[in-house]
Amino acid sequence: MAEGHGADRTAIFLHIGKTAGWTLRQILYRNVPRRQVMRVRPPMQRPRGFLNDEPLRTFAALPEAERARPRLLVSHMIFGIHEFVPGESTYFTMLREPVARALSQYRHVLRRPEHRLHAAAAAGDSQIDAWRRGDAGRRVRPSRSGERTVAAEYCVMRRRTKLENRK
């Protein structure tokens, strides 16, 4: 990282999917020496995402000297890894307009048969499909796959439907 103010601080990038995080990560990799970067990944069999606590446990289990090495931590993970970083740290992330992000995530899932939610999305078992069919006013319930729809996504789409119906 740059010399001067905050040079010893560890930057923690919380990567939220479908928010241009991959692009930002590539920019960071070009500007931070590799020896100062640590990407903490969940095991392949575990779902990735910002609610995943596996990267925290993996990082916390490392020896203190190993946890002190990086100046940049990158992962799809929940908040809290700073508690295991020796020294000062700061978080940053990328955000995206929620409806665009939800639709992008939905299309991403549909394109990847290996995704854990692909079967439910392909079967039309989601609030996005309900919204597209016009029955977005139904209550948010657990789907057959056991996943819950994000309430904020539902509210935003319901609001958009109401606004479109006024036209």
Protein backbone atom coordinates (compact mmCIF):
# COMPACT_ATOMS: atom_id res chain seq x y z
CA MET A 1 0.00 0.00 0.00
CA ALA A 2 1.09 3.60 -0.28
CA GLU A 3 3.53 4.99 2.23
CA GLY A 4 2.29 7.49 4.79
CA HIS A 5 -1.05 7.73 6.56
CA GLY A 6 -2.55 4.27 7.16
CA ALA A 7 0.36 2.43 5.51
CA ASP A 8 0.33 -0.28 8.22
CA ARG A 9 -3.45 -0.60 8.27
CA THR A 10 -4.99 -3.72 6.72
CA ALA A 11 -7.70 -2.98 4.14
CA ILE A 12 -10.54 -5.53 4.15
CA PHE A 13 -12.57 -5.81 0.95
CA LEU A 14 -16.00 -7.34 1.62
CA HIS A 15 -16.93 -8.60 -1.83
CA ILE A 16 -20.69 -8.56 -2.34
CA GLY A 17 -21.58 -10.52 -5.46
CA LYS A 18 -22.74 -8.80 -8.66
CA THR A 19 -21.44 -5.34 -7.60
CA ALA A 20 -18.34 -5.05 -9.85
CA GLY A 21 -16.23 -6.60 -7.10
CA TRP A 22 -14.34 -8.83 -9.53
CA THR A 23 -13.27 -5.78 -11.53
CA LEU A 24 -12.24 -3.90 -8.39
CA ARG A 25 -10.30 -6.96 -7.19
CA GLN A 26 -8.32 -7.01 -10.46
CA ILE A 27 -7.48 -3.31 -10.03
CA LEU A 28 -6.38 -3.93 -6.45
CA TYR A 29 -4.21 -6.89 -7.50
CA ARG A 30 -2.41 -4.67 -10.02
CA ASN A 31 -1.72 -2.03 -7.35
CA VAL A 32 -0.93 -4.00 -4.20
CA PRO A 33 2.12 -6.29 -4.11
CA ARG A 34 1.03 -9.96 -4.16
CA ARG A 35 2.91 -10.74 -0.94
CA GLN A 36 0.66 -8.20 0.82
CA VAL A 37 -2.63 -9.68 -0.45
CA MET A 38 -4.57 -12.55 1.09
CA ARG A 39 -7.72 -13.93 -0.49
CA VAL A 40 -9.67 -15.94 2.05
CA ARG A 41 -11.94 -18.44 0.29
CA PRO A 42 -14.63 -20.74 1.59
CA PRO A 43 -14.29 -24.43 0.68
CA MET A 44 -15.67 -25.25 -2.78
CA GLN A 45 -18.57 -27.26 -1.33
CA ARG A 46 -19.74 -24.29 0.77
CA PRO A 47 -21.83 -21.53 -0.77
CA ARG A 48 -20.05 -18.25 -1.28
CA GLY A 49 -21.63 -15.00 -0.30
CA PHE A 50 -21.47 -12.18 2.16
CA LEU A 51 -23.29 -14.28 4.81
CA ASN A 52 -20.63 -16.99 4.78
CA ASP A 53 -18.64 -17.19 8.03
CA GLU A 54 -16.20 -19.89 6.84
CA PRO A 55 -13.54 -17.35 5.69
CA LEU A 56 -13.58 -15.84 9.20
CA ARG A 57 -12.97 -19.21 10.84
CA THR A 58 -10.26 -20.09 8.31
CA PHE A 59 -8.47 -16.78 8.85
CA ALA A 60 -8.84 -16.92 12.67
CA ALA A 61 -7.19 -20.37 12.71
CA LEU A 62 -4.00 -19.05 11.05
CA PRO A 63 -0.96 -18.25 13.21
CA GLU A 64 -0.78 -14.59 14.26
CA ALA A 65 2.30 -13.93 12.10
CA GLU A 66 0.40 -15.15 9.03
CA ARG A 67 -2.65 -13.00 9.91
CA ALA A 68 -0.37 -9.94 10.33
CA ARG A 69 1.25 -10.32 6.88
CA PRO A 70 -1.44 -9.04 4.47
CA ARG A 71 -2.25 -5.37 3.94
CA LEU A 72 -5.26 -6.37 1.82
CA LEU A 73 -7.79 -9.08 2.70
CA VAL A 74 -10.34 -10.06 0.04
CA SER A 75 -13.32 -12.40 0.36
CA HIS A 76 -17.03 -13.04 0.09
CA MET A 77 -17.61 -13.06 3.85
CA ILE A 78 -19.55 -11.64 6.75
CA PHE A 79 -18.38 -8.65 8.78
CA GLY A 80 -16.04 -9.46 11.66
CA ILE A 81 -12.69 -10.59 10.28
CA HIS A 82 -11.11 -7.39 11.68
CA GLU A 83 -11.30 -8.98 15.14
CA PHE A 84 -8.60 -11.46 14.04
CA VAL A 85 -6.34 -8.95 12.25
CA PRO A 86 -3.39 -7.96 14.44
CA GLY A 87 -3.23 -4.16 14.30
CA GLU A 88 -5.52 -1.62 12.69
CA SER A 89 -7.84 -2.39 9.80
CA THR A 90 -10.56 -0.76 7.75
CA TYR A 91 -13.37 -2.13 5.58
CA PHE A 92 -14.55 -1.17 2.12
CA THR A 93 -17.01 -2.66 -0.35
CA MET A 94 -18.87 -1.95 -3.58
CA LEU A 95 -22.64 -1.44 -3.69
CA ARG A 96 -25.10 -1.55 -6.57
CA GLU A 97 -28.68 -0.44 -7.14
CA PRO A 98 -30.65 -3.27 -5.48
CA VAL A 99 -33.04 -4.22 -8.28
CA ALA A 100 -30.26 -4.31 -10.89
CA ARG A 101 -28.15 -6.42 -8.51
CA ALA A 102 -31.00 -8.85 -7.80
CA LEU A 103 -31.75 -9.31 -11.51
CA SER A 104 -28.06 -9.75 -12.30
CA GLN A 105 -27.74 -12.39 -9.56
CA TYR A 106 -30.84 -14.16 -10.88
CA ARG A 107 -29.45 -14.30 -14.43
CA HIS A 108 -26.10 -15.47 -13.03
CA VAL A 109 -27.82 -18.36 -11.23
CA LEU A 110 -29.80 -19.33 -14.35
CA ARG A 111 -26.59 -19.49 -16.45
CA ARG A 112 -24.82 -21.81 -13.99
CA PRO A 113 -26.35 -25.28 -13.52
CA GLU A 114 -23.81 -25.98 -10.76
CA HIS A 115 -25.10 -23.06 -8.64
CA ARG A 116 -26.87 -24.19 -5.46
CA LEU A 117 -30.00 -22.16 -6.38
CA HIS A 118 -30.09 -23.06 -10.08
CA ALA A 119 -32.80 -25.75 -9.81
CA ALA A 120 -35.15 -23.42 -7.93
CA ALA A 121 -34.56 -20.52 -10.34
CA ALA A 122 -34.90 -22.72 -13.43
CA ALA A 123 -38.18 -24.11 -12.02
CA GLY A 124 -39.56 -20.59 -11.60
CA ASP A 125 -39.45 -20.94 -7.81
CA SER A 126 -38.49 -17.35 -6.89
CA GLN A 127 -40.01 -13.98 -6.12
CA ILE A 128 -38.42 -12.61 -9.29
CA ASP A 129 -40.42 -15.12 -11.33
CA ALA A 130 -43.57 -14.17 -9.38
CA TRP A 131 -42.90 -10.53 -10.13
CA ARG A 132 -42.42 -11.28 -13.82
CA ARG A 133 -45.68 -13.31 -13.84
CA GLY A 134 -47.53 -10.43 -12.14
CA ASP A 135 -48.32 -12.07 -8.79
CA ALA A 136 -45.70 -10.16 -6.79
CA GLY A 137 -48.29 -9.27 -4.15
CA ARG A 138 -48.09 -12.71 -2.57
CA ARG A 139 -46.41 -13.12 0.80
CA VAL A 140 -42.69 -13.92 1.02
CA ARG A 141 -42.42 -17.57 2.10
CA PRO A 142 -39.67 -20.16 2.18
CA SER A 143 -39.30 -21.73 -1.24
CA ARG A 144 -39.21 -25.49 -1.85
CA SER A 145 -35.42 -25.31 -1.79
CA GLY A 146 -35.50 -23.88 1.74
CA GLU A 147 -34.06 -20.54 0.67
CA ARG A 148 -35.81 -17.34 1.75
CA THR A 149 -36.22 -14.47 -0.64
CA VAL A 150 -34.48 -11.29 0.42
CA ALA A 151 -37.23 -9.08 1.81
CA ALA A 152 -35.67 -5.89 0.48
CA GLU A 153 -35.63 -7.33 -3.05
CA TYR A 154 -39.31 -8.20 -2.71
CA CYS A 155 -40.23 -4.72 -1.42
CA VAL A 156 -38.33 -2.91 -4.16
CA MET A 157 -39.89 -5.06 -6.87
CA ARG A 158 -43.37 -4.68 -5.38
CA ARG A 159 -42.92 -0.89 -5.33
CA ARG A 160 -41.71 -0.92 -8.95
CA THR A 161 -44.77 -2.98 -9.97
CA LYS A 162 -47.11 -0.48 -8.28
CA LEU A 163 -45.40 2.43 -10.03
CA GLU A 164 -45.65 0.70 -13.42
CA ASN A 165 -49.36 -0.02 -12.83
CA ARG A 166 -50.03 3.72 -12.33
CA LYS A 167 -48.88 4.53 -15.86
